[in-house]
């Protein structure tokens, strides 16, 4: 994924990867963070939308601070 982000001209310096089989709490963790981080916007995108990542990042820069979630990256 990091190489794909770099090809799209995106930074890979910050972030966290939640990895594990279904049922380990990844989505629950994101929902918790999105609900409990005050004054923060959450952008959720599907892995199929990675081609539009630049647009998401531009939006994220405007709405800072932002939690950007890319769901179901397999």
PDB file of N, CA and C in Angstrom:
ATOM      1  N   UNK A   1       0.824  -1.189   0.000  1.00  0.00           N
ATOM      2  CA  UNK A   1       0.000   0.000   0.000  1.00  0.00           C
ATOM      3  C   UNK A   1       0.872   1.259   0.000  1.00  0.00           C
ATOM      4  N   UNK A   2       1.961   1.217   0.736  1.00  0.00           N
ATOM      5  CA  UNK A   2       2.830   2.394   0.814  1.00  0.00           C
ATOM      6  C   UNK A   2       3.329   2.793  -0.575  1.00  0.00           C
ATOM      7  N   UNK A   3       3.723   1.809  -1.400  1.00  0.00           N
ATOM      8  CA  UNK A   3       4.186   2.114  -2.752  1.00  0.00           C
ATOM      9  C   UNK A   3       3.068   2.735  -3.581  1.00  0.00           C
ATOM     10  N   UNK A   4       1.855   2.226  -3.439  1.00  0.00           N
ATOM     11  CA  UNK A   4       0.712   2.785  -4.167  1.00  0.00           C
ATOM     12  C   UNK A   4       0.475   4.232  -3.756  1.00  0.00           C
ATOM     13  N   UNK A   5       0.588   4.529  -2.468  1.00  0.00           N
ATOM     14  CA  UNK A   5       0.413   5.907  -2.005  1.00  0.00           C
ATOM     15  C   UNK A   5       1.503   6.814  -2.565  1.00  0.00           C
ATOM     16  N   UNK A   6       2.726   6.330  -2.576  1.00  0.00           N
ATOM     17  CA  UNK A   6       3.833   7.140  -3.113  1.00  0.00           C
ATOM     18  C   UNK A   6       3.663   7.403  -4.599  1.00  0.00           C
ATOM     19  N   UNK A   7       3.185   6.402  -5.356  1.00  0.00           N
ATOM     20  CA  UNK A   7       2.939   6.607  -6.800  1.00  0.00           C
ATOM     21  C   UNK A   7       1.882   7.677  -7.027  1.00  0.00           C
ATOM     22  N   UNK A   8       0.963   7.827  -6.075  1.00  0.00           N
ATOM     23  CA  UNK A   8      -0.074   8.847  -6.182  1.00  0.00           C
ATOM     24  C   UNK A   8       0.378  10.190  -5.604  1.00  0.00           C
ATOM     25  N   UNK A   9       1.653  10.251  -5.194  1.00  0.00           N
ATOM     26  CA  UNK A   9       2.203  11.505  -4.693  1.00  0.00           C
ATOM     27  C   UNK A   9       1.799  11.826  -3.266  1.00  0.00           C
ATOM     28  N   UNK A  10       1.425  10.809  -2.494  1.00  0.00           N
ATOM     29  CA  UNK A  10       0.973  11.039  -1.129  1.00  0.00           C
ATOM     30  C   UNK A  10       2.067  10.684  -0.131  1.00  0.00           C
ATOM     31  N   UNK A  11       2.053  11.361   0.990  1.00  0.00           N
ATOM     32  CA  UNK A  11       3.004  11.111   2.055  1.00  0.00           C
ATOM     33  C   UNK A  11       2.622   9.844   2.810  1.00  0.00           C
ATOM     34  N   UNK A  12       3.620   9.128   3.258  1.00  0.00           N
ATOM     35  CA  UNK A  12       3.373   7.934   4.069  1.00  0.00           C
ATOM     36  C   UNK A  12       4.057   8.068   5.424  1.00  0.00           C
ATOM     37  N   UNK A  13       4.303   9.280   5.845  1.00  0.00           N
ATOM     38  CA  UNK A  13       5.042   9.518   7.080  1.00  0.00           C
ATOM     39  C   UNK A  13       4.219   9.289   8.335  1.00  0.00           C
ATOM     40  N   UNK A  14       2.903   9.442   8.256  1.00  0.00           N
ATOM     41  CA  UNK A  14       2.063   9.336   9.441  1.00  0.00           C
ATOM     42  C   UNK A  14       0.996   8.287   9.201  1.00  0.00           C
ATOM     43  N   UNK A  15       0.606   7.644  10.260  1.00  0.00           N
ATOM     44  CA  UNK A  15      -0.499   6.715  10.132  1.00  0.00           C
ATOM     45  C   UNK A  15      -0.323   5.487  10.985  1.00  0.00           C
ATOM     46  N   UNK A  16      -1.366   4.710  11.004  1.00  0.00           N
ATOM     47  CA  UNK A  16      -1.364   3.462  11.741  1.00  0.00           C
ATOM     48  C   UNK A  16      -2.125   2.443  10.904  1.00  0.00           C
ATOM     49  N   UNK A  17      -1.637   1.234  10.905  1.00  0.00           N
ATOM     50  CA  UNK A  17      -2.283   0.156  10.176  1.00  0.00           C
ATOM     51  C   UNK A  17      -2.898  -0.797  11.186  1.00  0.00           C
ATOM     52  N   UNK A  18      -4.215  -0.976  11.093  1.00  0.00           N
ATOM     53  CA  UNK A  18      -4.895  -1.970  11.915  1.00  0.00           C
ATOM     54  C   UNK A  18      -5.051  -3.207  11.055  1.00  0.00           C
ATOM     55  N   UNK A  19      -4.430  -4.290  11.484  1.00  0.00           N
ATOM     56  CA  UNK A  19      -4.377  -5.502  10.685  1.00  0.00           C
ATOM     57  C   UNK A  19      -4.855  -6.688  11.520  1.00  0.00           C
ATOM     58  N   UNK A  20      -5.604  -7.565  10.891  1.00  0.00           N
ATOM     59  CA  UNK A  20      -6.026  -8.781  11.576  1.00  0.00           C
ATOM     60  C   UNK A  20      -7.230  -9.386  10.885  1.00  0.00           C
ATOM     61  N   UNK A  21      -7.555 -10.606  11.263  1.00  0.00           N
ATOM     62  CA  UNK A  21      -8.699 -11.272  10.655  1.00  0.00           C
ATOM     63  C   UNK A  21     -10.010 -10.615  11.086  1.00  0.00           C
ATOM     64  N   UNK A  22     -11.088 -10.918  10.387  1.00  0.00           N
ATOM     65  CA  UNK A  22     -12.394 -10.375  10.775  1.00  0.00           C
ATOM     66  C   UNK A  22     -12.709 -10.717  12.239  1.00  0.00           C
ATOM     67  N   UNK A  23     -13.334  -9.757  12.899  1.00  0.00           N
ATOM     68  CA  UNK A  23     -13.757  -9.987  14.272  1.00  0.00           C
ATOM     69  C   UNK A  23     -12.755  -9.604  15.336  1.00  0.00           C
ATOM     70  N   UNK A  24     -11.653  -8.970  14.950  1.00  0.00           N
ATOM     71  CA  UNK A  24     -10.634  -8.608  15.939  1.00  0.00           C
ATOM     72  C   UNK A  24     -10.785  -7.181  16.467  1.00  0.00           C
ATOM     73  N   UNK A  25     -11.774  -6.444  15.982  1.00  0.00           N
ATOM     74  CA  UNK A  25     -12.062  -5.124  16.536  1.00  0.00           C
ATOM     75  C   UNK A  25     -11.527  -3.939  15.773  1.00  0.00           C
ATOM     76  N   UNK A  26     -11.067  -4.130  14.558  1.00  0.00           N
ATOM     77  CA  UNK A  26     -10.504  -3.012  13.785  1.00  0.00           C
ATOM     78  C   UNK A  26     -11.562  -1.939  13.537  1.00  0.00           C
ATOM     79  N   UNK A  27     -12.700  -2.346  13.014  1.00  0.00           N
ATOM     80  CA  UNK A  27     -13.761  -1.375  12.714  1.00  0.00           C
ATOM     81  C   UNK A  27     -14.300  -0.760  14.000  1.00  0.00           C
ATOM     82  N   UNK A  28     -14.427  -1.560  15.043  1.00  0.00           N
ATOM     83  CA  UNK A  28     -14.892  -1.045  16.334  1.00  0.00           C
ATOM     84  C   UNK A  28     -13.936   0.036  16.851  1.00  0.00           C
ATOM     85  N   UNK A  29     -12.643  -0.195  16.699  1.00  0.00           N
ATOM     86  CA  UNK A  29     -11.644   0.781  17.145  1.00  0.00           C
ATOM     87  C   UNK A  29     -11.790   2.095  16.387  1.00  0.00           C
ATOM     88  N   UNK A  30     -11.961   2.006  15.067  1.00  0.00           N
ATOM     89  CA  UNK A  30     -12.133   3.216  14.256  1.00  0.00           C
ATOM     90  C   UNK A  30     -13.403   3.957  14.655  1.00  0.00           C
ATOM     91  N   UNK A  31     -14.486   3.222  14.842  1.00  0.00           N
ATOM     92  CA  UNK A  31     -15.742   3.866  15.262  1.00  0.00           C
ATOM     93  C   UNK A  31     -15.572   4.562  16.607  1.00  0.00           C
ATOM     94  N   UNK A  32     -14.881   3.905  17.520  1.00  0.00           N
ATOM     95  CA  UNK A  32     -14.632   4.513  18.826  1.00  0.00           C
ATOM     96  C   UNK A  32     -13.845   5.813  18.672  1.00  0.00           C
ATOM     97  N   UNK A  33     -12.760   5.756  17.911  1.00  0.00           N
ATOM     98  CA  UNK A  33     -11.945   6.956  17.710  1.00  0.00           C
ATOM     99  C   UNK A  33     -12.744   8.068  17.042  1.00  0.00           C
ATOM    100  N   UNK A  34     -13.486   7.721  15.993  1.00  0.00           N
ATOM    101  CA  UNK A  34     -14.261   8.725  15.262  1.00  0.00           C
ATOM    102  C   UNK A  34     -15.303   9.377  16.158  1.00  0.00           C
ATOM    103  N   UNK A  35     -15.862   8.629  17.071  1.00  0.00           N
ATOM    104  CA  UNK A  35     -16.898   9.150  17.963  1.00  0.00           C
ATOM    105  C   UNK A  35     -16.313   9.975  19.099  1.00  0.00           C
ATOM    106  N   UNK A  36     -15.152   9.602  19.584  1.00  0.00           N
ATOM    107  CA  UNK A  36     -14.625  10.201  20.810  1.00  0.00           C
ATOM    108  C   UNK A  36     -13.515  11.223  20.640  1.00  0.00           C
ATOM    109  N   UNK A  37     -13.023  11.424  19.445  1.00  0.00           N
ATOM    110  CA  UNK A  37     -12.019  12.465  19.239  1.00  0.00           C
ATOM    111  C   UNK A  37     -12.731  13.782  18.954  1.00  0.00           C
ATOM    112  N   UNK A  38     -12.711  14.653  19.927  1.00  0.00           N
ATOM    113  CA  UNK A  38     -13.440  15.911  19.824  1.00  0.00           C
ATOM    114  C   UNK A  38     -12.853  16.812  18.743  1.00  0.00           C
ATOM    115  N   UNK A  39     -13.720  17.549  18.089  1.00  0.00           N
ATOM    116  CA  UNK A  39     -13.307  18.545  17.099  1.00  0.00           C
ATOM    117  C   UNK A  39     -12.457  17.959  15.980  1.00  0.00           C
ATOM    118  N   UNK A  40     -12.780  16.770  15.551  1.00  0.00           N
ATOM    119  CA  UNK A  40     -12.037  16.128  14.471  1.00  0.00           C
ATOM    120  C   UNK A  40     -13.014  15.559  13.458  1.00  0.00           C
ATOM    121  N   UNK A  41     -12.678  15.714  12.195  1.00  0.00           N
ATOM    122  CA  UNK A  41     -13.468  15.143  11.114  1.00  0.00           C
ATOM    123  C   UNK A  41     -12.920  13.771  10.778  1.00  0.00           C
ATOM    124  N   UNK A  42     -13.804  12.844  10.415  1.00  0.00           N
ATOM    125  CA  UNK A  42     -13.383  11.519   9.975  1.00  0.00           C
ATOM    126  C   UNK A  42     -13.819  11.316   8.533  1.00  0.00           C
ATOM    127  N   UNK A  43     -12.871  11.005   7.678  1.00  0.00           N
ATOM    128  CA  UNK A  43     -13.169  10.670   6.287  1.00  0.00           C
ATOM    129  C   UNK A  43     -12.953   9.177   6.119  1.00  0.00           C
ATOM    130  N   UNK A  44     -13.980   8.482   5.638  1.00  0.00           N
ATOM    131  CA  UNK A  44     -13.876   7.045   5.427  1.00  0.00           C
ATOM    132  C   UNK A  44     -14.000   6.774   3.944  1.00  0.00           C
ATOM    133  N   UNK A  45     -13.012   6.084   3.415  1.00  0.00           N
ATOM    134  CA  UNK A  45     -13.038   5.741   1.998  1.00  0.00           C
ATOM    135  C   UNK A  45     -12.813   4.245   1.833  1.00  0.00           C
ATOM    136  N   UNK A  46     -13.386   3.690   0.790  1.00  0.00           N
ATOM    137  CA  UNK A  46     -13.194   2.270   0.485  1.00  0.00           C
ATOM    138  C   UNK A  46     -11.889   2.107  -0.283  1.00  0.00           C
ATOM    139  N   UNK A  47     -11.295   0.943  -0.160  1.00  0.00           N
ATOM    140  CA  UNK A  47     -10.028   0.678  -0.845  1.00  0.00           C
ATOM    141  C   UNK A  47     -10.154   0.871  -2.357  1.00  0.00           C
ATOM    142  N   UNK A  48     -11.335   0.626  -2.901  1.00  0.00           N
ATOM    143  CA  UNK A  48     -11.539   0.792  -4.344  1.00  0.00           C
ATOM    144  C   UNK A  48     -11.433   2.250  -4.774  1.00  0.00           C
ATOM    145  N   UNK A  49     -11.498   3.170  -3.821  1.00  0.00           N
ATOM    146  CA  UNK A  49     -11.430   4.597  -4.126  1.00  0.00           C
ATOM    147  C   UNK A  49     -10.012   5.159  -4.040  1.00  0.00           C
ATOM    148  N   UNK A  50      -9.006   4.286  -3.950  1.00  0.00           N
ATOM    149  CA  UNK A  50      -7.634   4.748  -3.781  1.00  0.00           C
ATOM    150  C   UNK A  50      -7.207   5.669  -4.927  1.00  0.00           C
ATOM    151  N   UNK A  51      -7.819   5.552  -6.094  1.00  0.00           N
ATOM    152  CA  UNK A  51      -7.513   6.446  -7.207  1.00  0.00           C
ATOM    153  C   UNK A  51      -7.895   7.890  -6.922  1.00  0.00           C
ATOM    154  N   UNK A  52      -8.831   8.089  -5.991  1.00  0.00           N
ATOM    155  CA  UNK A  52      -9.275   9.430  -5.608  1.00  0.00           C
ATOM    156  C   UNK A  52      -8.585   9.903  -4.329  1.00  0.00           C
ATOM    157  N   UNK A  53      -7.513   9.237  -3.939  1.00  0.00           N
ATOM    158  CA  UNK A  53      -6.855   9.550  -2.684  1.00  0.00           C
ATOM    159  C   UNK A  53      -6.370  10.994  -2.626  1.00  0.00           C
ATOM    160  N   UNK A  54      -5.877  11.503  -3.727  1.00  0.00           N
ATOM    161  CA  UNK A  54      -5.433  12.895  -3.751  1.00  0.00           C
ATOM    162  C   UNK A  54      -6.553  13.856  -3.394  1.00  0.00           C
ATOM    163  N   UNK A  55      -7.741  13.594  -3.893  1.00  0.00           N
ATOM    164  CA  UNK A  55      -8.898  14.440  -3.569  1.00  0.00           C
ATOM    165  C   UNK A  55      -9.238  14.340  -2.079  1.00  0.00           C
ATOM    166  N   UNK A  56      -9.175  13.124  -1.540  1.00  0.00           N
ATOM    167  CA  UNK A  56      -9.429  12.944  -0.109  1.00  0.00           C
ATOM    168  C   UNK A  56      -8.391  13.689   0.718  1.00  0.00           C
ATOM    169  N   UNK A  57      -7.135  13.639   0.306  1.00  0.00           N
ATOM    170  CA  UNK A  57      -6.084  14.309   1.060  1.00  0.00           C
ATOM    171  C   UNK A  57      -6.230  15.825   0.985  1.00  0.00           C
ATOM    172  N   UNK A  58      -6.623  16.345  -0.175  1.00  0.00           N
ATOM    173  CA  UNK A  58      -6.871  17.784  -0.287  1.00  0.00           C
ATOM    174  C   UNK A  58      -7.994  18.201   0.650  1.00  0.00           C
ATOM    175  N   UNK A  59      -9.055  17.397   0.694  1.00  0.00           N
ATOM    176  CA  UNK A  59     -10.163  17.675   1.601  1.00  0.00           C
ATOM    177  C   UNK A  59      -9.700  17.580   3.049  1.00  0.00           C
ATOM    178  N   UNK A  60      -8.893  16.585   3.348  1.00  0.00           N
ATOM    179  CA  UNK A  60      -8.380  16.420   4.709  1.00  0.00           C
ATOM    180  C   UNK A  60      -7.552  17.625   5.136  1.00  0.00           C
ATOM    181  N   UNK A  61      -6.757  18.165   4.227  1.00  0.00           N
ATOM    182  CA  UNK A  61      -5.950  19.350   4.565  1.00  0.00           C
ATOM    183  C   UNK A  61      -6.839  20.542   4.905  1.00  0.00           C
ATOM    184  N   UNK A  62      -7.965  20.657   4.219  1.00  0.00           N
ATOM    185  CA  UNK A  62      -8.892  21.759   4.490  1.00  0.00           C
ATOM    186  C   UNK A  62      -9.620  21.586   5.821  1.00  0.00           C
ATOM    187  N   UNK A  63      -9.864  20.346   6.213  1.00  0.00           N
ATOM    188  CA  UNK A  63     -10.686  20.063   7.387  1.00  0.00           C
ATOM    189  C   UNK A  63      -9.876  19.688   8.630  1.00  0.00           C
ATOM    190  N   UNK A  64      -8.571  19.894   8.622  1.00  0.00           N
ATOM    191  CA  UNK A  64      -7.711  19.471   9.724  1.00  0.00           C
ATOM    192  C   UNK A  64      -8.248  19.905  11.070  1.00  0.00           C
ATOM    193  N   UNK A  65      -8.081  19.100  12.100  1.00  0.00           N
ATOM    194  CA  UNK A  65      -7.493  17.769  12.132  1.00  0.00           C
ATOM    195  C   UNK A  65      -8.480  16.724  11.602  1.00  0.00           C
ATOM    196  N   UNK A  66      -7.944  15.704  10.953  1.00  0.00           N
ATOM    197  CA  UNK A  66      -8.767  14.703  10.277  1.00  0.00           C
ATOM    198  C   UNK A  66      -8.206  13.306  10.522  1.00  0.00           C
ATOM    199  N   UNK A  67      -9.126  12.373  10.717  1.00  0.00           N
ATOM    200  CA  UNK A  67      -8.798  10.956  10.741  1.00  0.00           C
ATOM    201  C   UNK A  67      -9.251  10.402   9.401  1.00  0.00           C
ATOM    202  N   UNK A  68      -8.310   9.912   8.586  1.00  0.00           N
ATOM    203  CA  UNK A  68      -8.644   9.348   7.285  1.00  0.00           C
ATOM    204  C   UNK A  68      -8.553   7.826   7.392  1.00  0.00           C
ATOM    205  N   UNK A  69      -9.647   7.171   7.060  1.00  0.00           N
ATOM    206  CA  UNK A  69      -9.723   5.710   7.171  1.00  0.00           C
ATOM    207  C   UNK A  69      -9.894   5.123   5.772  1.00  0.00           C
ATOM    208  N   UNK A  70      -9.042   4.183   5.415  1.00  0.00           N
ATOM    209  CA  UNK A  70      -9.190   3.436   4.173  1.00  0.00           C
ATOM    210  C   UNK A  70      -9.634   2.044   4.581  1.00  0.00           C
ATOM    211  N   UNK A  71     -10.871   1.710   4.288  1.00  0.00           N
ATOM    212  CA  UNK A  71     -11.471   0.445   4.714  1.00  0.00           C
ATOM    213  C   UNK A  71     -11.183  -0.700   3.756  1.00  0.00           C
ATOM    214  N   UNK A  72     -11.039  -1.876   4.315  1.00  0.00           N
ATOM    215  CA  UNK A  72     -10.945  -3.132   3.566  1.00  0.00           C
ATOM    216  C   UNK A  72      -9.848  -3.148   2.510  1.00  0.00           C
ATOM    217  N   UNK A  73      -8.648  -2.799   2.907  1.00  0.00           N
ATOM    218  CA  UNK A  73      -7.495  -2.879   2.020  1.00  0.00           C
ATOM    219  C   UNK A  73      -6.951  -4.298   2.121  1.00  0.00           C
ATOM    220  N   UNK A  74      -7.112  -5.043   1.064  1.00  0.00           N
ATOM    221  CA  UNK A  74      -6.660  -6.444   1.071  1.00  0.00           C
ATOM    222  C   UNK A  74      -5.549  -6.671   0.072  1.00  0.00           C
TER     223      UNK A  74
END
